Amino acid sequence: MYVGRFVVVGPRIAAYRVSSRSFPNRKLVEREGALTVAPTADAPETDNPYVSYNCVRTAARDGGADAAVVGNGSHVDPITEKLELGYPARDALAESLLALDYEKDDYDTPRIAGVLGADSAYVGIVRRDALLVREVAEPTLVATYEKDALEAFAFEADTAGEAASEAYDLDFEHAVCAAGVARTDEGFAVAVENGD
């Protein structure tokens, strides 16, 4: 089954996976404290604004990271900025998803995102027909296609590396790369799986 890009969030772990039929020549790179989806060296040139973006960022206030954001597009940045300004995670997600709305491409691709906080986790989606944001107490999946409603999902990872690997290896078609995030006693750990 092809579900496109997806996130799994909660309660102490998050993952994001790029799955793509149209732009498979991408990888995750660490850049300026974020994980960024970027074209590989052999990728054809494109002016598509949805191909490269930050997919994982941590929000820091008072000298330490107190939230991590995962998502499938440019909305990751304003969610992070709102968290740094002190917005509650639910409000940062809802306002940013609503403001940027679904992607205006040929498929009306939803925007998906999740926030791991110090003691809570939220996941959200904005589709052409709905905005859904919910606090979650168990791993919850939402994808851009086919699985575009928030649903509890069996996800066993405990570390960022395990989350990236498990997301990459899930039985959904066209895996390109994946990121994992784990809340730890020291903050947030991140990991990348580029399928190398």
N, C-alpha and C. Protein backbone atom coordinates (compact mmCIF):
# COMPACT_ATOMS: atom_id res chain seq x y z
N MET A 1 0.84 -1.18 0.00
CA MET A 1 0.00 0.00 0.00
C MET A 1 0.89 1.24 0.00
N TYR A 2 0.51 2.22 -0.81
CA TYR A 2 1.25 3.48 -0.85
C TYR A 2 0.50 4.51 -0.01
N VAL A 3 1.13 4.96 1.08
CA VAL A 3 0.49 5.95 1.96
C VAL A 3 1.18 7.30 1.89
N GLY A 4 2.22 7.42 1.06
CA GLY A 4 2.95 8.68 0.97
C GLY A 4 3.79 8.91 2.20
N ARG A 5 3.95 10.18 2.56
CA ARG A 5 4.73 10.54 3.73
C ARG A 5 3.89 10.30 4.98
N PHE A 6 4.55 9.93 6.09
CA PHE A 6 3.78 9.71 7.31
C PHE A 6 4.59 10.03 8.54
N VAL A 7 3.85 10.27 9.65
CA VAL A 7 4.45 10.43 10.96
C VAL A 7 3.83 9.41 11.90
N VAL A 8 4.62 8.97 12.87
CA VAL A 8 4.15 8.19 14.00
C VAL A 8 4.61 8.98 15.22
N VAL A 9 3.67 9.28 16.14
CA VAL A 9 4.00 10.13 17.27
C VAL A 9 3.43 9.55 18.55
N GLY A 10 4.24 9.57 19.62
CA GLY A 10 3.77 9.36 20.96
C GLY A 10 4.11 8.04 21.61
N PRO A 11 4.14 8.06 22.90
CA PRO A 11 4.19 9.24 23.76
C PRO A 11 5.61 9.76 24.00
N ARG A 12 6.65 8.93 23.80
CA ARG A 12 8.03 9.39 24.02
C ARG A 12 8.87 9.29 22.75
N ILE A 13 8.24 8.96 21.65
CA ILE A 13 8.98 8.67 20.41
C ILE A 13 8.22 9.28 19.24
N ALA A 14 8.95 9.64 18.20
CA ALA A 14 8.31 10.10 16.97
C ALA A 14 9.16 9.65 15.79
N ALA A 15 8.50 9.50 14.66
CA ALA A 15 9.22 9.14 13.43
C ALA A 15 8.53 9.83 12.26
N TYR A 16 9.32 10.10 11.24
CA TYR A 16 8.81 10.66 10.00
C TYR A 16 9.45 9.89 8.85
N ARG A 17 8.65 9.51 7.85
CA ARG A 17 9.21 8.82 6.69
C ARG A 17 8.76 9.49 5.41
N VAL A 18 9.72 9.68 4.53
CA VAL A 18 9.44 10.12 3.17
C VAL A 18 9.23 8.86 2.34
N SER A 19 8.08 8.76 1.73
CA SER A 19 7.78 7.71 0.75
C SER A 19 7.36 8.46 -0.50
N SER A 20 7.94 8.14 -1.64
CA SER A 20 7.65 8.95 -2.81
C SER A 20 7.77 8.14 -4.09
N ARG A 21 6.79 8.31 -4.95
CA ARG A 21 6.86 7.77 -6.30
C ARG A 21 7.46 8.80 -7.25
N SER A 22 7.19 10.08 -7.01
CA SER A 22 7.58 11.14 -7.94
C SER A 22 8.99 11.66 -7.73
N PHE A 23 9.45 11.75 -6.46
CA PHE A 23 10.76 12.32 -6.16
C PHE A 23 11.53 11.41 -5.21
N PRO A 24 11.97 10.24 -5.70
CA PRO A 24 12.66 9.30 -4.82
C PRO A 24 14.12 9.66 -4.53
N ASN A 25 14.70 10.58 -5.29
CA ASN A 25 16.12 10.92 -5.15
C ASN A 25 16.32 11.98 -4.07
N ARG A 26 16.00 11.58 -2.83
CA ARG A 26 16.16 12.50 -1.70
C ARG A 26 16.78 11.76 -0.52
N LYS A 27 17.31 12.53 0.40
CA LYS A 27 17.91 11.97 1.61
C LYS A 27 17.70 12.98 2.74
N LEU A 28 17.95 12.52 3.96
CA LEU A 28 17.91 13.41 5.12
C LEU A 28 19.34 13.85 5.45
N VAL A 29 19.49 15.14 5.69
CA VAL A 29 20.78 15.68 6.09
C VAL A 29 20.58 16.53 7.34
N GLU A 30 21.60 16.58 8.18
CA GLU A 30 21.55 17.44 9.35
C GLU A 30 22.09 18.80 8.95
N ARG A 31 21.29 19.84 9.23
CA ARG A 31 21.69 21.18 8.82
C ARG A 31 21.17 22.19 9.84
N GLU A 32 22.09 22.92 10.45
CA GLU A 32 21.74 23.99 11.38
C GLU A 32 20.75 23.54 12.45
N GLY A 33 20.99 22.39 13.06
CA GLY A 33 20.16 21.91 14.14
C GLY A 33 18.84 21.30 13.72
N ALA A 34 18.67 21.07 12.43
CA ALA A 34 17.43 20.47 11.91
C ALA A 34 17.79 19.27 11.04
N LEU A 35 16.82 18.38 10.84
CA LEU A 35 16.96 17.35 9.82
C LEU A 35 16.17 17.85 8.62
N THR A 36 16.83 17.88 7.47
CA THR A 36 16.25 18.46 6.27
C THR A 36 16.16 17.40 5.18
N VAL A 37 15.02 17.33 4.52
CA VAL A 37 14.85 16.50 3.33
C VAL A 37 15.48 17.29 2.18
N ALA A 38 16.44 16.67 1.50
CA ALA A 38 17.17 17.37 0.44
C ALA A 38 17.38 16.43 -0.74
N PRO A 39 17.50 16.98 -1.95
CA PRO A 39 17.77 16.14 -3.12
C PRO A 39 19.15 15.50 -3.03
N THR A 40 19.28 14.30 -3.57
CA THR A 40 20.58 13.66 -3.67
C THR A 40 21.33 14.29 -4.84
N ALA A 41 22.62 13.98 -4.95
CA ALA A 41 23.44 14.57 -6.01
C ALA A 41 22.93 14.19 -7.40
N ASP A 42 22.30 13.01 -7.53
CA ASP A 42 21.83 12.57 -8.84
C ASP A 42 20.37 12.93 -9.12
N ALA A 43 19.75 13.73 -8.25
CA ALA A 43 18.34 14.09 -8.44
C ALA A 43 18.20 15.09 -9.59
N PRO A 44 17.17 14.92 -10.42
CA PRO A 44 16.92 15.91 -11.46
C PRO A 44 16.51 17.25 -10.83
N GLU A 45 16.84 18.33 -11.49
CA GLU A 45 16.46 19.64 -10.97
C GLU A 45 14.95 19.79 -11.02
N THR A 46 14.42 20.49 -10.01
CA THR A 46 12.99 20.74 -9.96
C THR A 46 12.74 22.08 -9.26
N ASP A 47 11.66 22.72 -9.63
CA ASP A 47 11.26 23.94 -8.94
C ASP A 47 10.08 23.66 -8.00
N ASN A 48 9.81 22.38 -7.75
CA ASN A 48 8.72 21.98 -6.87
C ASN A 48 9.05 22.42 -5.44
N PRO A 49 8.21 23.27 -4.81
CA PRO A 49 8.52 23.77 -3.47
C PRO A 49 8.34 22.73 -2.37
N TYR A 50 7.79 21.56 -2.70
CA TYR A 50 7.50 20.56 -1.68
C TYR A 50 8.55 19.45 -1.60
N VAL A 51 9.65 19.57 -2.34
CA VAL A 51 10.66 18.52 -2.40
C VAL A 51 11.68 18.63 -1.27
N SER A 52 12.05 19.83 -0.87
CA SER A 52 13.06 20.03 0.16
C SER A 52 12.49 20.88 1.30
N TYR A 53 12.71 20.43 2.55
CA TYR A 53 12.14 21.12 3.71
C TYR A 53 12.72 20.53 4.99
N ASN A 54 12.60 21.28 6.07
CA ASN A 54 12.96 20.75 7.39
C ASN A 54 11.87 19.80 7.83
N CYS A 55 12.25 18.59 8.25
CA CYS A 55 11.24 17.61 8.70
C CYS A 55 11.34 17.33 10.19
N VAL A 56 12.44 17.72 10.83
CA VAL A 56 12.60 17.57 12.28
C VAL A 56 13.33 18.80 12.81
N ARG A 57 12.75 19.41 13.84
CA ARG A 57 13.42 20.51 14.55
C ARG A 57 13.10 20.40 16.03
N THR A 58 14.00 20.90 16.85
CA THR A 58 13.71 20.99 18.28
C THR A 58 13.46 22.45 18.62
N ALA A 59 12.53 22.65 19.54
CA ALA A 59 12.19 23.99 20.01
C ALA A 59 12.84 24.20 21.36
N ALA A 60 13.58 25.28 21.48
CA ALA A 60 14.32 25.55 22.71
C ALA A 60 13.84 26.84 23.35
N ARG A 61 13.59 26.75 24.65
CA ARG A 61 13.31 27.93 25.46
C ARG A 61 14.12 27.80 26.73
N ASP A 62 14.55 28.91 27.26
CA ASP A 62 15.28 28.91 28.53
C ASP A 62 16.51 28.02 28.49
N GLY A 63 17.20 27.99 27.34
CA GLY A 63 18.48 27.31 27.24
C GLY A 63 18.45 25.83 26.94
N GLY A 64 17.27 25.20 26.85
CA GLY A 64 17.24 23.77 26.58
C GLY A 64 16.10 23.41 25.64
N ALA A 65 16.25 22.30 24.94
CA ALA A 65 15.20 21.84 24.04
C ALA A 65 14.07 21.24 24.86
N ASP A 66 12.85 21.77 24.70
CA ASP A 66 11.74 21.22 25.45
C ASP A 66 10.63 20.68 24.56
N ALA A 67 10.87 20.63 23.26
CA ALA A 67 9.92 20.00 22.35
C ALA A 67 10.63 19.65 21.05
N ALA A 68 10.13 18.64 20.38
CA ALA A 68 10.62 18.27 19.05
C ALA A 68 9.43 18.21 18.11
N VAL A 69 9.64 18.69 16.89
CA VAL A 69 8.59 18.75 15.88
C VAL A 69 8.99 17.88 14.70
N VAL A 70 8.04 17.08 14.20
CA VAL A 70 8.24 16.31 12.98
C VAL A 70 7.12 16.66 12.01
N GLY A 71 7.41 16.63 10.71
CA GLY A 71 6.36 16.92 9.75
C GLY A 71 6.84 16.84 8.32
N ASN A 72 5.90 16.98 7.39
CA ASN A 72 6.18 16.75 5.98
C ASN A 72 6.32 18.02 5.15
N GLY A 73 6.70 19.15 5.77
CA GLY A 73 6.85 20.33 4.93
C GLY A 73 7.25 21.58 5.69
N SER A 74 7.08 22.70 5.03
CA SER A 74 7.54 23.99 5.56
C SER A 74 6.81 24.40 6.84
N HIS A 75 5.72 23.75 7.18
CA HIS A 75 5.00 24.07 8.41
C HIS A 75 5.78 23.67 9.67
N VAL A 76 6.79 22.82 9.55
CA VAL A 76 7.61 22.44 10.70
C VAL A 76 8.26 23.69 11.32
N ASP A 77 8.70 24.62 10.49
CA ASP A 77 9.37 25.82 10.99
C ASP A 77 8.44 26.71 11.81
N PRO A 78 7.26 27.11 11.33
CA PRO A 78 6.40 27.95 12.17
C PRO A 78 5.88 27.24 13.42
N ILE A 79 5.68 25.93 13.35
CA ILE A 79 5.28 25.20 14.56
C ILE A 79 6.39 25.35 15.61
N THR A 80 7.63 25.14 15.20
CA THR A 80 8.77 25.26 16.10
C THR A 80 8.87 26.68 16.66
N GLU A 81 8.71 27.67 15.80
CA GLU A 81 8.81 29.07 16.24
C GLU A 81 7.72 29.40 17.26
N LYS A 82 6.51 28.92 17.04
CA LYS A 82 5.42 29.17 17.99
C LYS A 82 5.70 28.50 19.33
N LEU A 83 6.24 27.29 19.30
CA LEU A 83 6.60 26.62 20.55
C LEU A 83 7.65 27.43 21.31
N GLU A 84 8.62 27.97 20.59
CA GLU A 84 9.67 28.77 21.23
C GLU A 84 9.12 30.06 21.82
N LEU A 85 8.01 30.55 21.27
CA LEU A 85 7.35 31.74 21.81
C LEU A 85 6.45 31.42 23.00
N GLY A 86 6.29 30.12 23.31
CA GLY A 86 5.51 29.73 24.47
C GLY A 86 4.11 29.23 24.17
N TYR A 87 3.76 29.07 22.90
CA TYR A 87 2.45 28.52 22.56
C TYR A 87 2.35 27.08 23.07
N PRO A 88 1.18 26.66 23.54
CA PRO A 88 0.98 25.24 23.82
C PRO A 88 1.10 24.43 22.52
N ALA A 89 1.53 23.18 22.63
CA ALA A 89 1.76 22.35 21.43
C ALA A 89 0.51 22.25 20.56
N ARG A 90 -0.64 22.06 21.16
CA ARG A 90 -1.89 21.93 20.39
C ARG A 90 -2.14 23.18 19.56
N ASP A 91 -1.94 24.36 20.16
CA ASP A 91 -2.18 25.61 19.46
C ASP A 91 -1.15 25.85 18.37
N ALA A 92 0.12 25.55 18.65
CA ALA A 92 1.17 25.72 17.64
C ALA A 92 0.88 24.86 16.42
N LEU A 93 0.48 23.61 16.67
CA LEU A 93 0.12 22.71 15.56
C LEU A 93 -1.09 23.22 14.79
N ALA A 94 -2.18 23.48 15.50
CA ALA A 94 -3.42 23.86 14.84
C ALA A 94 -3.28 25.16 14.05
N GLU A 95 -2.67 26.18 14.65
CA GLU A 95 -2.54 27.46 13.97
C GLU A 95 -1.66 27.36 12.73
N SER A 96 -0.54 26.65 12.85
CA SER A 96 0.38 26.53 11.70
C SER A 96 -0.21 25.69 10.58
N LEU A 97 -0.85 24.57 10.93
CA LEU A 97 -1.46 23.73 9.89
C LEU A 97 -2.59 24.48 9.20
N LEU A 98 -3.41 25.18 9.97
CA LEU A 98 -4.51 25.93 9.38
C LEU A 98 -4.00 27.07 8.49
N ALA A 99 -2.98 27.79 8.95
CA ALA A 99 -2.45 28.92 8.19
C ALA A 99 -1.85 28.49 6.86
N LEU A 100 -1.09 27.39 6.87
CA LEU A 100 -0.43 26.95 5.63
C LEU A 100 -1.33 26.05 4.79
N ASP A 101 -2.30 25.41 5.41
CA ASP A 101 -3.31 24.60 4.74
C ASP A 101 -2.65 23.42 4.00
N TYR A 102 -3.47 22.60 3.35
CA TYR A 102 -2.94 21.47 2.61
C TYR A 102 -2.12 21.98 1.43
N GLU A 103 -1.27 21.12 0.88
CA GLU A 103 -0.41 21.51 -0.23
C GLU A 103 -1.25 21.67 -1.50
N LYS A 104 -1.02 22.74 -2.20
CA LYS A 104 -1.79 23.02 -3.42
C LYS A 104 -1.09 22.38 -4.63
N ASP A 105 -0.98 21.05 -4.57
CA ASP A 105 -0.39 20.30 -5.68
C ASP A 105 -1.50 19.54 -6.39
N ASP A 106 -1.14 18.66 -7.31
CA ASP A 106 -2.14 17.91 -8.08
C ASP A 106 -2.96 16.96 -7.22
N TYR A 107 -2.48 16.64 -6.00
CA TYR A 107 -3.14 15.64 -5.16
C TYR A 107 -3.78 16.25 -3.91
N ASP A 108 -3.72 17.59 -3.76
CA ASP A 108 -4.20 18.23 -2.52
C ASP A 108 -3.59 17.53 -1.31
N THR A 109 -2.29 17.33 -1.34
CA THR A 109 -1.58 16.59 -0.30
C THR A 109 -1.76 17.23 1.07
N PRO A 110 -2.20 16.45 2.04
CA PRO A 110 -2.32 16.98 3.41
C PRO A 110 -0.96 17.33 4.01
N ARG A 111 -0.98 18.23 4.96
CA ARG A 111 0.20 18.51 5.79
C ARG A 111 -0.01 17.73 7.08
N ILE A 112 1.04 17.05 7.53
CA ILE A 112 1.00 16.25 8.74
C ILE A 112 2.13 16.70 9.65
N ALA A 113 1.92 16.59 10.97
CA ALA A 113 2.97 16.99 11.90
C ALA A 113 2.69 16.40 13.28
N GLY A 114 3.75 16.36 14.08
CA GLY A 114 3.63 15.92 15.45
C GLY A 114 4.58 16.70 16.33
N VAL A 115 4.24 16.79 17.61
CA VAL A 115 5.08 17.46 18.60
C VAL A 115 5.26 16.54 19.79
N LEU A 116 6.52 16.30 20.15
CA LEU A 116 6.85 15.64 21.41
C LEU A 116 7.25 16.73 22.38
N GLY A 117 6.53 16.85 23.47
CA GLY A 117 6.86 17.83 24.49
C GLY A 117 7.55 17.17 25.67
N ALA A 118 7.75 17.94 26.71
CA ALA A 118 8.40 17.41 27.90
C ALA A 118 7.58 16.30 28.55
N ASP A 119 6.26 16.41 28.48
CA ASP A 119 5.42 15.38 29.10
C ASP A 119 4.13 15.12 28.33
N SER A 120 4.13 15.44 27.04
CA SER A 120 2.95 15.19 26.22
C SER A 120 3.36 15.00 24.77
N ALA A 121 2.43 14.49 23.97
CA ALA A 121 2.66 14.31 22.53
C ALA A 121 1.37 14.65 21.80
N TYR A 122 1.51 15.33 20.67
CA TYR A 122 0.38 15.72 19.84
C TYR A 122 0.66 15.35 18.39
N VAL A 123 -0.40 15.08 17.65
CA VAL A 123 -0.28 14.80 16.23
C VAL A 123 -1.41 15.54 15.52
N GLY A 124 -1.14 15.97 14.28
CA GLY A 124 -2.16 16.70 13.55
C GLY A 124 -2.04 16.54 12.05
N ILE A 125 -3.14 16.88 11.37
CA ILE A 125 -3.20 16.85 9.91
C ILE A 125 -4.16 17.93 9.45
N VAL A 126 -3.83 18.57 8.34
CA VAL A 126 -4.80 19.42 7.66
C VAL A 126 -4.96 18.85 6.26
N ARG A 127 -6.22 18.48 5.97
CA ARG A 127 -6.60 17.95 4.65
C ARG A 127 -7.49 18.99 3.98
N ARG A 128 -7.85 18.70 2.77
CA ARG A 128 -8.76 19.60 2.07
C ARG A 128 -10.09 19.74 2.82
N ASP A 129 -10.51 18.71 3.53
CA ASP A 129 -11.82 18.71 4.18
C ASP A 129 -11.78 18.77 5.71
N ALA A 130 -10.60 18.87 6.33
CA ALA A 130 -10.58 18.83 7.80
C ALA A 130 -9.24 19.26 8.37
N LEU A 131 -9.29 19.72 9.60
CA LEU A 131 -8.12 19.96 10.43
C LEU A 131 -8.32 19.13 11.69
N LEU A 132 -7.37 18.21 11.97
CA LEU A 132 -7.46 17.35 13.14
C LEU A 132 -6.18 17.49 13.95
N VAL A 133 -6.30 17.79 15.23
CA VAL A 133 -5.16 17.85 16.13
C VAL A 133 -5.58 17.17 17.43
N ARG A 134 -4.72 16.26 17.90
CA ARG A 134 -5.11 15.51 19.10
C ARG A 134 -3.87 15.18 19.95
N GLU A 135 -4.06 15.23 21.26
CA GLU A 135 -3.04 14.74 22.17
C GLU A 135 -3.11 13.22 22.14
N VAL A 136 -1.95 12.56 22.16
CA VAL A 136 -1.92 11.10 22.06
C VAL A 136 -1.15 10.50 23.23
N ALA A 137 -1.63 9.34 23.68
CA ALA A 137 -0.99 8.62 24.79
C ALA A 137 -0.42 7.29 24.33
N GLU A 138 -0.56 6.99 23.04
CA GLU A 138 0.01 5.78 22.45
C GLU A 138 0.47 6.14 21.04
N PRO A 139 1.39 5.35 20.46
CA PRO A 139 1.84 5.67 19.12
C PRO A 139 0.65 5.82 18.16
N THR A 140 0.67 6.92 17.42
CA THR A 140 -0.42 7.26 16.52
C THR A 140 0.16 7.61 15.16
N LEU A 141 -0.42 7.06 14.11
CA LEU A 141 0.06 7.27 12.75
C LEU A 141 -0.93 8.13 11.99
N VAL A 142 -0.38 9.00 11.14
CA VAL A 142 -1.17 9.71 10.15
C VAL A 142 -0.29 9.88 8.91
N ALA A 143 -0.89 9.65 7.75
CA ALA A 143 -0.17 9.70 6.48
C ALA A 143 -0.87 10.65 5.51
N THR A 144 -0.16 10.98 4.45
CA THR A 144 -0.73 11.91 3.48
C THR A 144 -1.80 11.25 2.60
N TYR A 145 -1.70 9.93 2.39
CA TYR A 145 -2.69 9.24 1.56
C TYR A 145 -3.13 7.95 2.26
N GLU A 146 -4.33 7.51 1.97
CA GLU A 146 -4.89 6.25 2.46
C GLU A 146 -5.12 6.22 3.97
N LYS A 147 -4.15 6.64 4.76
CA LYS A 147 -4.26 6.62 6.22
C LYS A 147 -4.22 8.05 6.73
N ASP A 148 -5.15 8.86 6.23
CA ASP A 148 -5.13 10.29 6.55
C ASP A 148 -6.07 10.67 7.69
N ALA A 149 -6.36 9.70 8.56
CA ALA A 149 -7.04 9.95 9.83
C ALA A 149 -6.09 9.49 10.93
N LEU A 150 -6.17 10.09 12.09
CA LEU A 150 -5.28 9.72 13.19
C LEU A 150 -5.68 8.34 13.69
N GLU A 151 -4.71 7.40 13.73
CA GLU A 151 -5.04 6.05 14.18
C GLU A 151 -3.93 5.47 15.05
N ALA A 152 -4.33 4.79 16.12
CA ALA A 152 -3.37 4.08 16.96
C ALA A 152 -2.61 3.10 16.08
N PHE A 153 -1.31 2.95 16.36
CA PHE A 153 -0.46 2.17 15.48
C PHE A 153 0.60 1.43 16.30
N ALA A 154 0.78 0.15 16.04
CA ALA A 154 1.79 -0.63 16.75
C ALA A 154 3.18 -0.18 16.31
N PHE A 155 3.93 0.41 17.22
CA PHE A 155 5.27 0.93 16.94
C PHE A 155 6.10 0.65 18.17
N GLU A 156 7.14 -0.16 18.03
CA GLU A 156 7.85 -0.71 19.18
C GLU A 156 9.14 0.03 19.55
N ALA A 157 9.58 1.00 18.76
CA ALA A 157 10.87 1.65 18.96
C ALA A 157 10.97 2.32 20.32
N ASP A 158 12.18 2.28 20.90
CA ASP A 158 12.46 2.96 22.16
C ASP A 158 13.48 4.08 22.00
N THR A 159 14.32 4.00 20.96
CA THR A 159 15.35 5.01 20.74
C THR A 159 15.12 5.69 19.40
N ALA A 160 15.80 6.81 19.19
CA ALA A 160 15.68 7.53 17.92
C ALA A 160 16.13 6.66 16.76
N GLY A 161 17.23 5.94 16.93
CA GLY A 161 17.72 5.07 15.86
C GLY A 161 16.74 3.96 15.53
N GLU A 162 16.15 3.37 16.57
CA GLU A 162 15.14 2.33 16.34
C GLU A 162 13.92 2.90 15.64
N ALA A 163 13.52 4.12 16.01
CA ALA A 163 12.34 4.74 15.39
C ALA A 163 12.59 5.01 13.91
N ALA A 164 13.77 5.53 13.55
CA ALA A 164 14.08 5.78 12.14
C ALA A 164 14.09 4.47 11.36
N SER A 165 14.73 3.45 11.90
CA SER A 165 14.80 2.16 11.21
C SER A 165 13.44 1.50 11.08
N GLU A 166 12.65 1.52 12.17
CA GLU A 166 11.34 0.89 12.13
C GLU A 166 10.42 1.59 11.13
N ALA A 167 10.45 2.92 11.11
CA ALA A 167 9.62 3.67 10.15
C ALA A 167 10.04 3.35 8.72
N TYR A 168 11.34 3.32 8.49
CA TYR A 168 11.85 3.05 7.14
C TYR A 168 11.43 1.65 6.67
N ASP A 169 11.46 0.69 7.59
CA ASP A 169 11.19 -0.70 7.24
C ASP A 169 9.72 -1.09 7.23
N LEU A 170 8.82 -0.19 7.62
CA LEU A 170 7.39 -0.54 7.62
C LEU A 170 6.95 -0.94 6.23
N ASP A 171 5.95 -1.79 6.18
CA ASP A 171 5.50 -2.38 4.92
C ASP A 171 4.58 -1.45 4.13
N PHE A 172 5.06 -0.24 3.89
CA PHE A 172 4.38 0.71 3.01
C PHE A 172 5.33 0.95 1.83
N GLU A 173 4.78 1.16 0.66
CA GLU A 173 5.59 1.22 -0.56
C GLU A 173 6.41 2.51 -0.68
N HIS A 174 7.51 2.39 -1.43
CA HIS A 174 8.35 3.50 -1.89
C HIS A 174 9.07 4.26 -0.79
N ALA A 175 9.68 3.54 0.15
CA ALA A 175 10.47 4.19 1.20
C ALA A 175 11.65 4.93 0.58
N VAL A 176 11.90 6.15 1.04
CA VAL A 176 13.02 6.95 0.56
C VAL A 176 14.01 7.20 1.70
N CYS A 177 13.52 7.72 2.83
CA CYS A 177 14.35 7.99 4.00
C CYS A 177 13.43 8.18 5.20
N ALA A 178 14.03 8.14 6.40
CA ALA A 178 13.23 8.28 7.62
C ALA A 178 14.05 8.93 8.72
N ALA A 179 13.33 9.59 9.62
CA ALA A 179 13.94 10.21 10.79
C ALA A 179 13.27 9.66 12.04
N GLY A 180 14.04 9.57 13.12
CA GLY A 180 13.50 9.17 14.41
C GLY A 180 13.86 10.20 15.46
N VAL A 181 12.96 10.37 16.43
CA VAL A 181 13.18 11.29 17.54
C VAL A 181 12.76 10.57 18.81
N ALA A 182 13.55 10.70 19.86
CA ALA A 182 13.20 10.12 21.15
C ALA A 182 13.42 11.14 22.25
N ARG A 183 12.46 11.24 23.16
CA ARG A 183 12.61 12.09 24.33
C ARG A 183 13.49 11.33 25.32
N THR A 184 14.53 11.98 25.80
CA THR A 184 15.45 11.38 26.76
C THR A 184 15.55 12.28 27.99
N ASP A 185 16.26 11.82 28.99
CA ASP A 185 16.46 12.64 30.19
C ASP A 185 17.27 13.90 29.88
N GLU A 186 18.06 13.86 28.81
CA GLU A 186 18.90 15.00 28.44
C GLU A 186 18.26 15.90 27.39
N GLY A 187 17.08 15.57 26.92
CA GLY A 187 16.45 16.37 25.86
C GLY A 187 15.87 15.46 24.79
N PHE A 188 16.29 15.67 23.55
CA PHE A 188 15.79 14.87 22.43
C PHE A 188 16.95 14.34 21.60
N ALA A 189 16.91 13.07 21.29
CA ALA A 189 17.88 12.44 20.40
C ALA A 189 17.23 12.27 19.04
N VAL A 190 18.01 12.45 17.97
CA VAL A 190 17.48 12.27 16.62
C VAL A 190 18.37 11.28 15.88
N ALA A 191 17.79 10.65 14.86
CA ALA A 191 18.54 9.68 14.04
C ALA A 191 17.98 9.71 12.63
N VAL A 192 18.79 9.26 11.69
CA VAL A 192 18.45 9.27 10.27
C VAL A 192 18.64 7.87 9.70
N GLU A 193 17.74 7.49 8.81
CA GLU A 193 17.87 6.25 8.01
C GLU A 193 17.67 6.65 6.55
N ASN A 194 18.77 6.63 5.79
CA ASN A 194 18.71 6.99 4.38
C ASN A 194 18.68 5.77 3.47
N GLY A 195 18.56 4.59 4.05
CA GLY A 195 18.47 3.38 3.24
C GLY A 195 19.75 3.02 2.54
N ASP A 196 20.88 3.49 3.06
CA ASP A 196 22.18 3.21 2.41
C ASP A 196 22.57 1.77 2.56
